[in-house]
Amino acid sequence: MDAVVIAAGEGRRLRPLTERWPKPLLPIEGRPVLATLLRELAAAGFDATTVVTGHLGDRIRAFVGDGSAFGLAVRYAEQPSPLGSADAVLRAVAAGARAPLLVSAADTVYRAGDVGEAAREWTASGTAGGLGVRVDHGPERTPVRAEGGRLIALGEGDGTGLAAAPLWFLGDELAATLASLDGPPFELAAAFARALAAEREIAALALGPTRDLTRPTDVILRNFPYLWTKK
């Protein structure tokens, strides 16, 4: 299985921080989010990863280099315009990534071990694709419905607070459908929704708590939590 890391976004809601620094290089617990993710992929057994860059991509390339510092061999693909997550995956495939694929956004920190466990569970499931799911009641999350370890609906919830995480798994068949999506933008969520409509099985892969950065105040909260503690 190849890994693809999408690190091309502009991080508009994090401005002005992202005017000089790409969102994946901002820290959580004092470490760049992208560094934590790459090390998690290495710990999960991946040895090669394609990083898709866009906004301030030169800074990401300078930071990651050939990936050896993180225990990986890293290749790069460029996404010049923000055309969506599925477009980013297609650019990674053009750069040499091959299905089956693990795809993650570069701005999320997963609980240690969760990425590897999700990869093993999806491989064992024999399903067309997999989606990481987490309990998250945030208003900006994409709700999902799942039953018996399978995704039932994407974009609608059942009141449990279950939401999609930016961790996708694509088998050969599902990956091949990305080139025929309507857009722009071309999004993985649309590909997964279409697969569900065609009665393809999608595994719902339970994750523990995740952390990410959405607004400038999150940088303070994730790195200096004591500033928010009430005495």
C-alpha atoms as a PDB file:
ATOM      1  CA  MET A   1       0.000   0.000   0.000  1.00  0.00           C
ATOM      2  CA  ASP A   2       1.295   3.473  -0.922  1.00  0.00           C
ATOM      3  CA  ALA A   3       0.723   6.544   1.239  1.00  0.00           C
ATOM      4  CA  VAL A   4      -0.302   9.972  -0.039  1.00  0.00           C
ATOM      5  CA  VAL A   5      -0.150  13.074   2.143  1.00  0.00           C
ATOM      6  CA  ILE A   6      -2.092  16.117   0.955  1.00  0.00           C
ATOM      7  CA  ALA A   7      -0.176  19.233   2.008  1.00  0.00           C
ATOM      8  CA  ALA A   8      -1.339  21.675  -0.641  1.00  0.00           C
ATOM      9  CA  GLY A   9      -4.013  23.742   1.114  1.00  0.00           C
ATOM     10  CA  GLU A  10      -3.827  27.469   1.728  1.00  0.00           C
ATOM     11  CA  GLY A  11      -5.080  27.372   5.324  1.00  0.00           C
ATOM     12  CA  ARG A  12      -7.167  30.508   4.805  1.00  0.00           C
ATOM     13  CA  ARG A  13      -8.832  30.386   8.219  1.00  0.00           C
ATOM     14  CA  LEU A  14      -5.395  30.377   9.846  1.00  0.00           C
ATOM     15  CA  ARG A  15      -4.326  33.638   8.267  1.00  0.00           C
ATOM     16  CA  PRO A  16      -2.144  35.607   8.917  1.00  0.00           C
ATOM     17  CA  LEU A  17      -0.050  32.655  10.173  1.00  0.00           C
ATOM     18  CA  THR A  18      -0.303  30.828   6.862  1.00  0.00           C
ATOM     19  CA  GLU A  19       0.762  33.825   4.809  1.00  0.00           C
ATOM     20  CA  ARG A  20       4.378  32.855   5.557  1.00  0.00           C
ATOM     21  CA  TRP A  21       4.110  29.266   6.768  1.00  0.00           C
ATOM     22  CA  PRO A  22       2.126  26.401   5.234  1.00  0.00           C
ATOM     23  CA  LYS A  23      -0.463  24.972   7.583  1.00  0.00           C
ATOM     24  CA  PRO A  24       1.183  21.505   7.840  1.00  0.00           C
ATOM     25  CA  LEU A  25       4.324  23.086   9.316  1.00  0.00           C
ATOM     26  CA  LEU A  26       2.472  24.809  12.157  1.00  0.00           C
ATOM     27  CA  PRO A  27       2.926  23.016  15.478  1.00  0.00           C
ATOM     28  CA  ILE A  28       0.864  20.907  17.809  1.00  0.00           C
ATOM     29  CA  GLU A  29       2.636  20.276  21.107  1.00  0.00           C
ATOM     30  CA  GLY A  30       5.655  22.091  19.710  1.00  0.00           C
ATOM     31  CA  ARG A  31       6.133  19.767  16.726  1.00  0.00           C
ATOM     32  CA  PRO A  32       5.136  20.493  13.118  1.00  0.00           C
ATOM     33  CA  VAL A  33       1.979  18.538  12.347  1.00  0.00           C
ATOM     34  CA  LEU A  34       3.483  17.138   9.150  1.00  0.00           C
ATOM     35  CA  ALA A  35       6.497  15.794  11.033  1.00  0.00           C
ATOM     36  CA  THR A  36       4.235  13.945  13.480  1.00  0.00           C
ATOM     37  CA  LEU A  37       2.199  12.450  10.620  1.00  0.00           C
ATOM     38  CA  LEU A  38       5.247  11.282   8.651  1.00  0.00           C
ATOM     39  CA  ARG A  39       6.703   9.576  11.704  1.00  0.00           C
ATOM     40  CA  GLU A  40       3.329   7.930  12.338  1.00  0.00           C
ATOM     41  CA  LEU A  41       3.328   6.572   8.775  1.00  0.00           C
ATOM     42  CA  ALA A  42       6.834   5.183   9.253  1.00  0.00           C
ATOM     43  CA  ALA A  43       5.777   3.554  12.532  1.00  0.00           C
ATOM     44  CA  ALA A  44       2.808   1.994  10.707  1.00  0.00           C
ATOM     45  CA  GLY A  45       5.203   0.238   8.317  1.00  0.00           C
ATOM     46  CA  PHE A  46       5.097   2.533   5.315  1.00  0.00           C
ATOM     47  CA  ASP A  47       8.436   3.106   3.631  1.00  0.00           C
ATOM     48  CA  ALA A  48       7.433   5.404   0.761  1.00  0.00           C
ATOM     49  CA  THR A  49       5.114   8.398   0.728  1.00  0.00           C
ATOM     50  CA  THR A  50       4.032  10.944  -1.882  1.00  0.00           C
ATOM     51  CA  VAL A  51       3.573  14.455  -0.481  1.00  0.00           C
ATOM     52  CA  VAL A  52       1.342  16.712  -2.583  1.00  0.00           C
ATOM     53  CA  THR A  53       2.358  20.359  -2.224  1.00  0.00           C
ATOM     54  CA  GLY A  54       0.847  23.640  -3.341  1.00  0.00           C
ATOM     55  CA  HIS A  55       0.744  26.783  -1.216  1.00  0.00           C
ATOM     56  CA  LEU A  56       4.306  27.556  -0.021  1.00  0.00           C
ATOM     57  CA  GLY A  57       5.345  24.131  -1.232  1.00  0.00           C
ATOM     58  CA  ASP A  58       9.010  25.103  -1.331  1.00  0.00           C
ATOM     59  CA  ARG A  59       8.979  25.389   2.468  1.00  0.00           C
ATOM     60  CA  ILE A  60       7.472  21.929   2.841  1.00  0.00           C
ATOM     61  CA  ARG A  61      10.046  20.421   0.473  1.00  0.00           C
ATOM     62  CA  ALA A  62      12.874  22.118   2.333  1.00  0.00           C
ATOM     63  CA  PHE A  63      11.571  20.817   5.656  1.00  0.00           C
ATOM     64  CA  VAL A  64      10.867  17.219   4.610  1.00  0.00           C
ATOM     65  CA  GLY A  65      13.683  16.750   2.107  1.00  0.00           C
ATOM     66  CA  ASP A  66      13.991  13.174   0.911  1.00  0.00           C
ATOM     67  CA  GLY A  67      12.103  11.938   3.977  1.00  0.00           C
ATOM     68  CA  SER A  68      15.033  10.050   5.488  1.00  0.00           C
ATOM     69  CA  ALA A  69      14.850  12.114   8.693  1.00  0.00           C
ATOM     70  CA  PHE A  70      11.375  10.650   9.241  1.00  0.00           C
ATOM     71  CA  GLY A  71      12.190   7.075   8.236  1.00  0.00           C
ATOM     72  CA  LEU A  72      10.559   7.368   4.807  1.00  0.00           C
ATOM     73  CA  ALA A  73      11.398   7.773   1.149  1.00  0.00           C
ATOM     74  CA  VAL A  74       9.403  10.820   0.029  1.00  0.00           C
ATOM     75  CA  ARG A  75       8.492  11.818  -3.508  1.00  0.00           C
ATOM     76  CA  TYR A  76       6.563  14.974  -4.383  1.00  0.00           C
ATOM     77  CA  ALA A  77       3.660  15.975  -6.594  1.00  0.00           C
ATOM     78  CA  GLU A  78       2.549  19.537  -7.242  1.00  0.00           C
ATOM     79  CA  GLN A  79      -1.026  20.830  -7.116  1.00  0.00           C
ATOM     80  CA  PRO A  80      -0.764  24.390  -8.453  1.00  0.00           C
ATOM     81  CA  SER A  81      -4.427  25.245  -7.766  1.00  0.00           C
ATOM     82  CA  PRO A  82      -6.710  24.098  -4.917  1.00  0.00           C
ATOM     83  CA  LEU A  83      -8.821  21.766  -7.055  1.00  0.00           C
ATOM     84  CA  GLY A  84      -9.755  19.344  -4.304  1.00  0.00           C
ATOM     85  CA  SER A  85      -8.556  16.233  -2.513  1.00  0.00           C
ATOM     86  CA  ALA A  86      -9.317  13.821  -5.354  1.00  0.00           C
ATOM     87  CA  ASP A  87      -7.332  15.999  -7.753  1.00  0.00           C
ATOM     88  CA  ALA A  88      -4.424  15.889  -5.302  1.00  0.00           C
ATOM     89  CA  VAL A  89      -4.548  12.086  -5.261  1.00  0.00           C
ATOM     90  CA  LEU A  90      -4.576  11.953  -9.056  1.00  0.00           C
ATOM     91  CA  ARG A  91      -1.455  14.120  -9.114  1.00  0.00           C
ATOM     92  CA  ALA A  92       0.195  11.755  -6.644  1.00  0.00           C
ATOM     93  CA  VAL A  93      -0.678   8.805  -8.891  1.00  0.00           C
ATOM     94  CA  ALA A  94       0.827  10.648 -11.861  1.00  0.00           C
ATOM     95  CA  ALA A  95       3.987  11.071  -9.784  1.00  0.00           C
ATOM     96  CA  GLY A  96       4.245   7.349  -9.128  1.00  0.00           C
ATOM     97  CA  ALA A  97       1.868   6.414  -6.272  1.00  0.00           C
ATOM     98  CA  ARG A  98      -0.044   3.205  -6.885  1.00  0.00           C
ATOM     99  CA  ALA A  99      -3.282   1.824  -5.450  1.00  0.00           C
ATOM    100  CA  PRO A 100      -4.157   0.560  -2.938  1.00  0.00           C
ATOM    101  CA  LEU A 101      -3.677   3.913  -1.279  1.00  0.00           C
ATOM    102  CA  LEU A 102      -3.766   5.428   2.164  1.00  0.00           C
ATOM    103  CA  VAL A 103      -4.514   9.145   1.865  1.00  0.00           C
ATOM    104  CA  SER A 104      -4.293  11.636   4.704  1.00  0.00           C
ATOM    105  CA  ALA A 105      -4.528  15.363   5.040  1.00  0.00           C
ATOM    106  CA  ALA A 106      -1.279  16.837   6.356  1.00  0.00           C
ATOM    107  CA  ASP A 107      -2.884  18.972   9.057  1.00  0.00           C
ATOM    108  CA  THR A 108      -4.215  16.343  11.466  1.00  0.00           C
ATOM    109  CA  VAL A 109      -2.524  14.569  14.372  1.00  0.00           C
ATOM    110  CA  TYR A 110      -3.912  11.084  15.016  1.00  0.00           C
ATOM    111  CA  ARG A 111      -3.619   9.136  18.234  1.00  0.00           C
ATOM    112  CA  ALA A 112      -0.384   7.144  18.209  1.00  0.00           C
ATOM    113  CA  GLY A 113      -0.914   3.793  16.501  1.00  0.00           C
ATOM    114  CA  ASP A 114      -4.293   4.605  14.977  1.00  0.00           C
ATOM    115  CA  VAL A 115      -3.044   5.011  11.405  1.00  0.00           C
ATOM    116  CA  GLY A 116      -1.376   1.606  11.395  1.00  0.00           C
ATOM    117  CA  GLU A 117      -4.371  -0.071  13.019  1.00  0.00           C
ATOM    118  CA  ALA A 118      -6.747   1.517  10.493  1.00  0.00           C
ATOM    119  CA  ALA A 119      -4.545   0.296   7.618  1.00  0.00           C
ATOM    120  CA  ARG A 120      -4.566  -3.254   8.956  1.00  0.00           C
ATOM    121  CA  GLU A 121      -8.317  -3.223   9.540  1.00  0.00           C
ATOM    122  CA  TRP A 122      -9.039  -1.935   6.058  1.00  0.00           C
ATOM    123  CA  THR A 123      -6.753  -4.481   4.408  1.00  0.00           C
ATOM    124  CA  ALA A 124      -8.482  -7.282   6.303  1.00  0.00           C
ATOM    125  CA  SER A 125     -11.959  -5.970   5.440  1.00  0.00           C
ATOM    126  CA  GLY A 126     -11.699  -6.619   1.708  1.00  0.00           C
ATOM    127  CA  THR A 127     -13.809  -3.534   1.004  1.00  0.00           C
ATOM    128  CA  ALA A 128     -13.543  -1.123  -1.906  1.00  0.00           C
ATOM    129  CA  GLY A 129     -12.490   1.730   0.359  1.00  0.00           C
ATOM    130  CA  GLY A 130     -12.180   2.861   3.931  1.00  0.00           C
ATOM    131  CA  LEU A 131     -12.794   6.057   5.848  1.00  0.00           C
ATOM    132  CA  GLY A 132     -11.466   7.015   9.249  1.00  0.00           C
ATOM    133  CA  VAL A 133     -14.285   8.031  11.596  1.00  0.00           C
ATOM    134  CA  ARG A 134     -14.152   9.726  14.996  1.00  0.00           C
ATOM    135  CA  VAL A 135     -16.523  11.122  17.574  1.00  0.00           C
ATOM    136  CA  ASP A 136     -16.490  14.865  16.998  1.00  0.00           C
ATOM    137  CA  HIS A 137     -19.364  17.233  17.656  1.00  0.00           C
ATOM    138  CA  GLY A 138     -17.686  20.239  15.998  1.00  0.00           C
ATOM    139  CA  PRO A 139     -19.906  22.255  13.648  1.00  0.00           C
ATOM    140  CA  GLU A 140     -17.388  22.095  10.782  1.00  0.00           C
ATOM    141  CA  ARG A 141     -17.105  18.304  10.690  1.00  0.00           C
ATOM    142  CA  THR A 142     -18.706  16.034   8.097  1.00  0.00           C
ATOM    143  CA  PRO A 143     -21.179  13.750   9.892  1.00  0.00           C
ATOM    144  CA  VAL A 144     -21.406  10.074   8.966  1.00  0.00           C
ATOM    145  CA  ARG A 145     -23.573   7.081   9.731  1.00  0.00           C
ATOM    146  CA  ALA A 146     -21.954   3.705  10.234  1.00  0.00           C
ATOM    147  CA  GLU A 147     -23.177   0.262  11.185  1.00  0.00           C
ATOM    148  CA  GLY A 148     -21.278  -2.951  11.822  1.00  0.00           C
ATOM    149  CA  GLY A 149     -17.984  -1.436  10.747  1.00  0.00           C
ATOM    150  CA  ARG A 150     -19.372  -0.244   7.424  1.00  0.00           C
ATOM    151  CA  LEU A 151     -20.099   3.289   6.244  1.00  0.00           C
ATOM    152  CA  ILE A 152     -23.818   3.793   5.590  1.00  0.00           C
ATOM    153  CA  ALA A 153     -23.996   7.503   4.750  1.00  0.00           C
ATOM    154  CA  LEU A 154     -21.585  10.375   4.329  1.00  0.00           C
ATOM    155  CA  GLY A 155     -22.790  13.893   5.057  1.00  0.00           C
ATOM    156  CA  GLU A 156     -25.615  12.899   7.367  1.00  0.00           C
ATOM    157  CA  GLY A 157     -25.437  11.801  10.983  1.00  0.00           C
ATOM    158  CA  ASP A 158     -27.465   9.823  13.481  1.00  0.00           C
ATOM    159  CA  GLY A 159     -27.017  12.014  16.550  1.00  0.00           C
ATOM    160  CA  THR A 160     -23.990  10.111  17.885  1.00  0.00           C
ATOM    161  CA  GLY A 161     -21.472  12.777  16.862  1.00  0.00           C
ATOM    162  CA  LEU A 162     -19.663  10.388  14.509  1.00  0.00           C
ATOM    163  CA  ALA A 163     -17.779  12.354  11.868  1.00  0.00           C
ATOM    164  CA  ALA A 164     -15.351  11.752   9.032  1.00  0.00           C
ATOM    165  CA  ALA A 165     -11.627  12.110   9.637  1.00  0.00           C
ATOM    166  CA  PRO A 166      -9.268  13.112   6.796  1.00  0.00           C
ATOM    167  CA  LEU A 167      -7.991   9.531   6.442  1.00  0.00           C
ATOM    168  CA  TRP A 168      -9.071   7.576   3.365  1.00  0.00           C
ATOM    169  CA  PHE A 169      -8.230   4.170   1.900  1.00  0.00           C
ATOM    170  CA  LEU A 170      -8.776   3.445  -1.781  1.00  0.00           C
ATOM    171  CA  GLY A 171      -8.566   0.119  -3.566  1.00  0.00           C
ATOM    172  CA  ASP A 172      -7.795  -0.159  -7.279  1.00  0.00           C
ATOM    173  CA  GLU A 173     -11.423   0.158  -8.433  1.00  0.00           C
ATOM    174  CA  LEU A 174     -12.223   3.164  -6.277  1.00  0.00           C
ATOM    175  CA  ALA A 175      -8.988   4.933  -7.180  1.00  0.00           C
ATOM    176  CA  ALA A 176      -9.786   4.465 -10.872  1.00  0.00           C
ATOM    177  CA  THR A 177     -13.057   6.399 -10.492  1.00  0.00           C
ATOM    178  CA  LEU A 178     -11.370   9.624  -9.383  1.00  0.00           C
ATOM    179  CA  ALA A 179     -10.691  10.782 -12.932  1.00  0.00           C
ATOM    180  CA  SER A 180     -14.424  10.819 -13.746  1.00  0.00           C
ATOM    181  CA  LEU A 181     -15.665  12.979 -10.872  1.00  0.00           C
ATOM    182  CA  ASP A 182     -17.652  16.136 -11.529  1.00  0.00           C
ATOM    183  CA  GLY A 183     -15.951  19.384 -10.549  1.00  0.00           C
ATOM    184  CA  PRO A 184     -14.044  21.412  -9.769  1.00  0.00           C
ATOM    185  CA  PRO A 185     -13.548  20.952  -6.944  1.00  0.00           C
ATOM    186  CA  PHE A 186     -12.851  17.235  -7.235  1.00  0.00           C
ATOM    187  CA  GLU A 187     -13.265  15.714  -3.792  1.00  0.00           C
ATOM    188  CA  LEU A 188     -12.695  12.274  -2.294  1.00  0.00           C
ATOM    189  CA  ALA A 189     -15.980  12.637  -0.418  1.00  0.00           C
ATOM    190  CA  ALA A 190     -17.812  12.695  -3.765  1.00  0.00           C
ATOM    191  CA  ALA A 191     -16.034   9.525  -4.878  1.00  0.00           C
ATOM    192  CA  PHE A 192     -16.964   7.766  -1.648  1.00  0.00           C
ATOM    193  CA  ALA A 193     -20.585   8.956  -1.861  1.00  0.00           C
ATOM    194  CA  ARG A 194     -20.797   7.652  -5.415  1.00  0.00           C
ATOM    195  CA  ALA A 195     -19.333   4.317  -4.329  1.00  0.00           C
ATOM    196  CA  LEU A 196     -21.962   4.024  -1.582  1.00  0.00           C
ATOM    197  CA  ALA A 197     -24.709   4.820  -4.088  1.00  0.00           C
ATOM    198  CA  ALA A 198     -23.362   2.000  -6.269  1.00  0.00           C
ATOM    199  CA  GLU A 199     -23.592  -0.327  -3.235  1.00  0.00           C
ATOM    200  CA  ARG A 200     -19.848  -0.706  -2.860  1.00  0.00           C
ATOM    201  CA  GLU A 201     -18.747  -1.534   0.674  1.00  0.00           C
ATOM    202  CA  ILE A 202     -16.766   1.146   2.497  1.00  0.00           C
ATOM    203  CA  ALA A 203     -15.193   0.289   5.842  1.00  0.00           C
ATOM    204  CA  ALA A 204     -15.778   2.698   8.728  1.00  0.00           C
ATOM    205  CA  LEU A 205     -12.478   2.682  10.606  1.00  0.00           C
ATOM    206  CA  ALA A 206     -12.798   3.888  14.189  1.00  0.00           C
ATOM    207  CA  LEU A 207     -10.136   6.323  15.337  1.00  0.00           C
ATOM    208  CA  GLY A 208      -9.426   7.819  18.703  1.00  0.00           C
ATOM    209  CA  PRO A 209      -9.352  11.583  19.298  1.00  0.00           C
ATOM    210  CA  THR A 210      -7.668  13.653  16.603  1.00  0.00           C
ATOM    211  CA  ARG A 211      -6.223  17.147  16.776  1.00  0.00           C
ATOM    212  CA  ASP A 212      -5.859  19.803  14.120  1.00  0.00           C
ATOM    213  CA  LEU A 213      -5.541  23.528  13.626  1.00  0.00           C
ATOM    214  CA  THR A 214      -8.403  25.552  12.183  1.00  0.00           C
ATOM    215  CA  ARG A 215      -7.949  29.102  13.487  1.00  0.00           C
ATOM    216  CA  PRO A 216      -5.013  31.084  14.943  1.00  0.00           C
ATOM    217  CA  THR A 217      -6.318  30.597  18.492  1.00  0.00           C
ATOM    218  CA  ASP A 218      -5.968  26.829  17.993  1.00  0.00           C
ATOM    219  CA  VAL A 219      -2.200  27.249  17.715  1.00  0.00           C
ATOM    220  CA  ILE A 220      -2.166  28.694  21.225  1.00  0.00           C
ATOM    221  CA  LEU A 221      -4.575  26.080  22.583  1.00  0.00           C
ATOM    222  CA  ARG A 222      -2.637  23.138  21.109  1.00  0.00           C
ATOM    223  CA  ASN A 223       0.783  24.385  22.206  1.00  0.00           C
ATOM    224  CA  PHE A 224       0.186  26.401  25.383  1.00  0.00           C
ATOM    225  CA  PRO A 225      -2.859  24.793  27.012  1.00  0.00           C
ATOM    226  CA  TYR A 226      -1.969  26.219  30.419  1.00  0.00           C
ATOM    227  CA  LEU A 227      -2.924  29.661  29.113  1.00  0.00           C
ATOM    228  CA  TRP A 228      -6.537  28.427  28.919  1.00  0.00           C
ATOM    229  CA  THR A 229      -6.634  26.810  32.350  1.00  0.00           C
ATOM    230  CA  LYS A 230      -8.943  28.523  34.790  1.00  0.00           C
ATOM    231  CA  LYS A 231      -7.530  29.026  38.267  1.00  0.00           C
END
